[in-house]
């Protein structure tokens, strides 16, 4: 049951963030920068899934695909 509540919370949070960001962005340049940030983070995720020994540390966040 707690996993379902967590999933519902993530679903509602993502919708709320979509509305907040849509209200805060005032220029198309800001939207372009956010889009490229999203594409870049997706590309990094693909690279980490292809290279199994790749570790990327950014402060407390660690992206690792080591088996």
N, C-alpha and C. Protein backbone atom coordinates (compact mmCIF):
# COMPACT_ATOMS: atom_id res chain seq x y z
N UNK A 1 0.82 -1.20 0.00
CA UNK A 1 0.00 0.00 0.00
C UNK A 1 0.87 1.26 0.00
N UNK A 2 1.99 1.24 0.74
CA UNK A 2 2.83 2.43 0.79
C UNK A 2 3.49 2.71 -0.56
N UNK A 3 3.78 1.64 -1.33
CA UNK A 3 4.36 1.85 -2.66
C UNK A 3 3.34 2.52 -3.58
N UNK A 4 2.08 2.17 -3.44
CA UNK A 4 1.05 2.79 -4.26
C UNK A 4 0.88 4.26 -3.90
N UNK A 5 0.97 4.57 -2.62
CA UNK A 5 0.89 5.97 -2.20
C UNK A 5 2.09 6.76 -2.69
N UNK A 6 3.26 6.13 -2.67
CA UNK A 6 4.47 6.78 -3.19
C UNK A 6 4.34 7.05 -4.68
N UNK A 7 3.80 6.09 -5.42
CA UNK A 7 3.59 6.26 -6.86
C UNK A 7 2.59 7.36 -7.15
N UNK A 8 1.52 7.41 -6.37
CA UNK A 8 0.53 8.47 -6.53
C UNK A 8 1.13 9.83 -6.21
N UNK A 9 1.96 9.87 -5.15
CA UNK A 9 2.62 11.12 -4.80
C UNK A 9 3.53 11.62 -5.90
N UNK A 10 4.30 10.72 -6.52
CA UNK A 10 5.18 11.11 -7.63
C UNK A 10 4.36 11.59 -8.82
N UNK A 11 3.25 10.93 -9.10
CA UNK A 11 2.38 11.32 -10.20
C UNK A 11 1.83 12.73 -9.98
N UNK A 12 1.33 12.99 -8.80
CA UNK A 12 0.78 14.31 -8.49
C UNK A 12 1.86 15.39 -8.45
N UNK A 13 3.03 15.05 -7.92
CA UNK A 13 4.14 15.99 -7.87
C UNK A 13 4.59 16.39 -9.27
N UNK A 14 4.67 15.42 -10.18
CA UNK A 14 5.10 15.74 -11.55
C UNK A 14 4.10 16.65 -12.24
N UNK A 15 2.82 16.41 -12.04
CA UNK A 15 1.81 17.30 -12.62
C UNK A 15 1.88 18.69 -12.04
N UNK A 16 2.07 18.78 -10.73
CA UNK A 16 2.19 20.09 -10.08
C UNK A 16 3.42 20.85 -10.56
N UNK A 17 4.55 20.14 -10.70
CA UNK A 17 5.76 20.80 -11.20
C UNK A 17 5.58 21.28 -12.64
N UNK A 18 4.87 20.50 -13.44
CA UNK A 18 4.58 20.92 -14.81
C UNK A 18 3.83 22.25 -14.83
N UNK A 19 2.84 22.37 -13.98
CA UNK A 19 2.06 23.61 -13.92
C UNK A 19 2.89 24.78 -13.39
N UNK A 20 3.69 24.56 -12.37
CA UNK A 20 4.51 25.63 -11.79
C UNK A 20 5.55 26.12 -12.80
N UNK A 21 6.25 25.19 -13.44
CA UNK A 21 7.28 25.57 -14.41
C UNK A 21 6.63 26.28 -15.59
N UNK A 22 5.49 25.81 -16.03
CA UNK A 22 4.78 26.47 -17.13
C UNK A 22 4.39 27.90 -16.79
N UNK A 23 4.13 28.15 -15.53
CA UNK A 23 3.76 29.50 -15.10
C UNK A 23 4.99 30.38 -14.92
N UNK A 24 6.14 29.80 -14.55
CA UNK A 24 7.34 30.58 -14.26
C UNK A 24 8.15 30.94 -15.49
N UNK A 25 8.09 30.15 -16.54
CA UNK A 25 8.90 30.42 -17.74
C UNK A 25 8.26 31.57 -18.51
N UNK A 26 9.06 32.60 -18.74
CA UNK A 26 8.51 33.79 -19.39
C UNK A 26 9.03 33.98 -20.82
N UNK A 27 10.14 33.34 -21.18
CA UNK A 27 10.69 33.50 -22.52
C UNK A 27 10.94 32.13 -23.15
N UNK A 28 10.98 32.12 -24.45
CA UNK A 28 11.25 30.86 -25.14
C UNK A 28 12.70 30.42 -24.93
N UNK A 29 13.60 31.36 -24.64
CA UNK A 29 15.00 31.02 -24.37
C UNK A 29 15.11 30.17 -23.10
N UNK A 30 14.35 30.51 -22.07
CA UNK A 30 14.35 29.71 -20.84
C UNK A 30 13.83 28.31 -21.12
N UNK A 31 12.79 28.21 -21.92
CA UNK A 31 12.24 26.91 -22.28
C UNK A 31 13.25 26.10 -23.08
N UNK A 32 13.98 26.76 -23.96
CA UNK A 32 15.00 26.07 -24.76
C UNK A 32 16.11 25.53 -23.86
N UNK A 33 16.55 26.33 -22.90
CA UNK A 33 17.60 25.88 -21.98
C UNK A 33 17.15 24.69 -21.14
N UNK A 34 15.93 24.74 -20.64
CA UNK A 34 15.41 23.62 -19.86
C UNK A 34 15.28 22.36 -20.72
N UNK A 35 14.89 22.53 -21.97
CA UNK A 35 14.76 21.40 -22.88
C UNK A 35 16.12 20.75 -23.12
N UNK A 36 17.15 21.57 -23.37
CA UNK A 36 18.49 21.02 -23.60
C UNK A 36 19.05 20.38 -22.34
N UNK A 37 18.72 20.92 -21.18
CA UNK A 37 19.13 20.31 -19.93
C UNK A 37 18.50 18.92 -19.78
N UNK A 38 17.23 18.81 -20.13
CA UNK A 38 16.53 17.53 -20.08
C UNK A 38 17.12 16.53 -21.08
N UNK A 39 17.40 16.99 -22.30
CA UNK A 39 17.99 16.12 -23.32
C UNK A 39 19.39 15.68 -22.89
N UNK A 40 20.17 16.59 -22.32
CA UNK A 40 21.51 16.25 -21.87
C UNK A 40 21.51 15.24 -20.74
N UNK A 41 20.59 15.39 -19.80
CA UNK A 41 20.52 14.42 -18.71
C UNK A 41 20.06 13.05 -19.22
N UNK A 42 19.20 13.03 -20.21
CA UNK A 42 18.80 11.77 -20.83
C UNK A 42 19.96 11.11 -21.57
N UNK A 43 20.76 11.93 -22.26
CA UNK A 43 21.93 11.39 -22.96
C UNK A 43 22.94 10.83 -21.97
N UNK A 44 23.11 11.49 -20.84
CA UNK A 44 24.01 10.99 -19.80
C UNK A 44 23.50 9.66 -19.26
N UNK A 45 22.20 9.53 -19.09
CA UNK A 45 21.63 8.26 -18.62
C UNK A 45 21.86 7.15 -19.64
N UNK A 46 21.77 7.46 -20.93
CA UNK A 46 22.01 6.45 -21.96
C UNK A 46 23.47 6.03 -21.95
N UNK A 47 24.38 7.00 -21.82
CA UNK A 47 25.81 6.68 -21.80
C UNK A 47 26.14 5.80 -20.61
N UNK A 48 25.57 6.11 -19.44
CA UNK A 48 25.85 5.29 -18.27
C UNK A 48 25.29 3.89 -18.40
N UNK A 49 24.21 3.72 -19.15
CA UNK A 49 23.68 2.37 -19.34
C UNK A 49 24.50 1.59 -20.35
N UNK A 50 25.20 2.27 -21.26
CA UNK A 50 26.01 1.59 -22.26
C UNK A 50 27.41 1.24 -21.73
N UNK A 51 27.95 2.08 -20.89
CA UNK A 51 29.29 1.87 -20.34
C UNK A 51 29.12 1.37 -18.92
N UNK A 52 29.43 0.10 -18.70
CA UNK A 52 29.08 -0.52 -17.42
C UNK A 52 29.97 -0.07 -16.27
N UNK A 53 31.17 0.43 -16.53
CA UNK A 53 32.05 0.83 -15.43
C UNK A 53 32.05 2.33 -15.19
N UNK A 54 31.11 3.03 -15.75
CA UNK A 54 31.05 4.48 -15.64
C UNK A 54 30.40 4.89 -14.32
N UNK A 55 31.07 5.74 -13.58
CA UNK A 55 30.52 6.32 -12.35
C UNK A 55 30.56 7.84 -12.49
N UNK A 56 29.46 8.49 -12.19
CA UNK A 56 29.37 9.94 -12.27
C UNK A 56 28.86 10.45 -10.94
N UNK A 57 29.66 11.29 -10.28
CA UNK A 57 29.29 11.85 -8.98
C UNK A 57 29.08 13.34 -9.11
N UNK A 58 27.93 13.80 -8.64
CA UNK A 58 27.62 15.21 -8.61
C UNK A 58 27.06 15.52 -7.23
N UNK A 59 27.98 15.85 -6.32
CA UNK A 59 27.58 16.08 -4.93
C UNK A 59 27.06 14.79 -4.33
N UNK A 60 25.85 14.83 -3.75
CA UNK A 60 25.31 13.61 -3.14
C UNK A 60 24.69 12.65 -4.15
N UNK A 61 24.61 13.05 -5.43
CA UNK A 61 23.97 12.22 -6.45
C UNK A 61 25.05 11.40 -7.15
N UNK A 62 24.85 10.10 -7.21
CA UNK A 62 25.78 9.20 -7.89
C UNK A 62 25.04 8.41 -8.95
N UNK A 63 25.53 8.48 -10.18
CA UNK A 63 24.98 7.68 -11.27
C UNK A 63 26.00 6.60 -11.55
N UNK A 64 25.61 5.36 -11.37
CA UNK A 64 26.52 4.26 -11.53
C UNK A 64 25.81 3.10 -12.22
N UNK A 65 26.55 2.40 -13.07
CA UNK A 65 26.01 1.23 -13.73
C UNK A 65 26.92 0.03 -13.49
N UNK A 66 27.71 0.08 -12.45
CA UNK A 66 28.62 -1.03 -12.14
C UNK A 66 27.81 -2.22 -11.63
N UNK A 67 28.15 -3.39 -12.11
CA UNK A 67 27.41 -4.60 -11.71
C UNK A 67 27.98 -5.19 -10.45
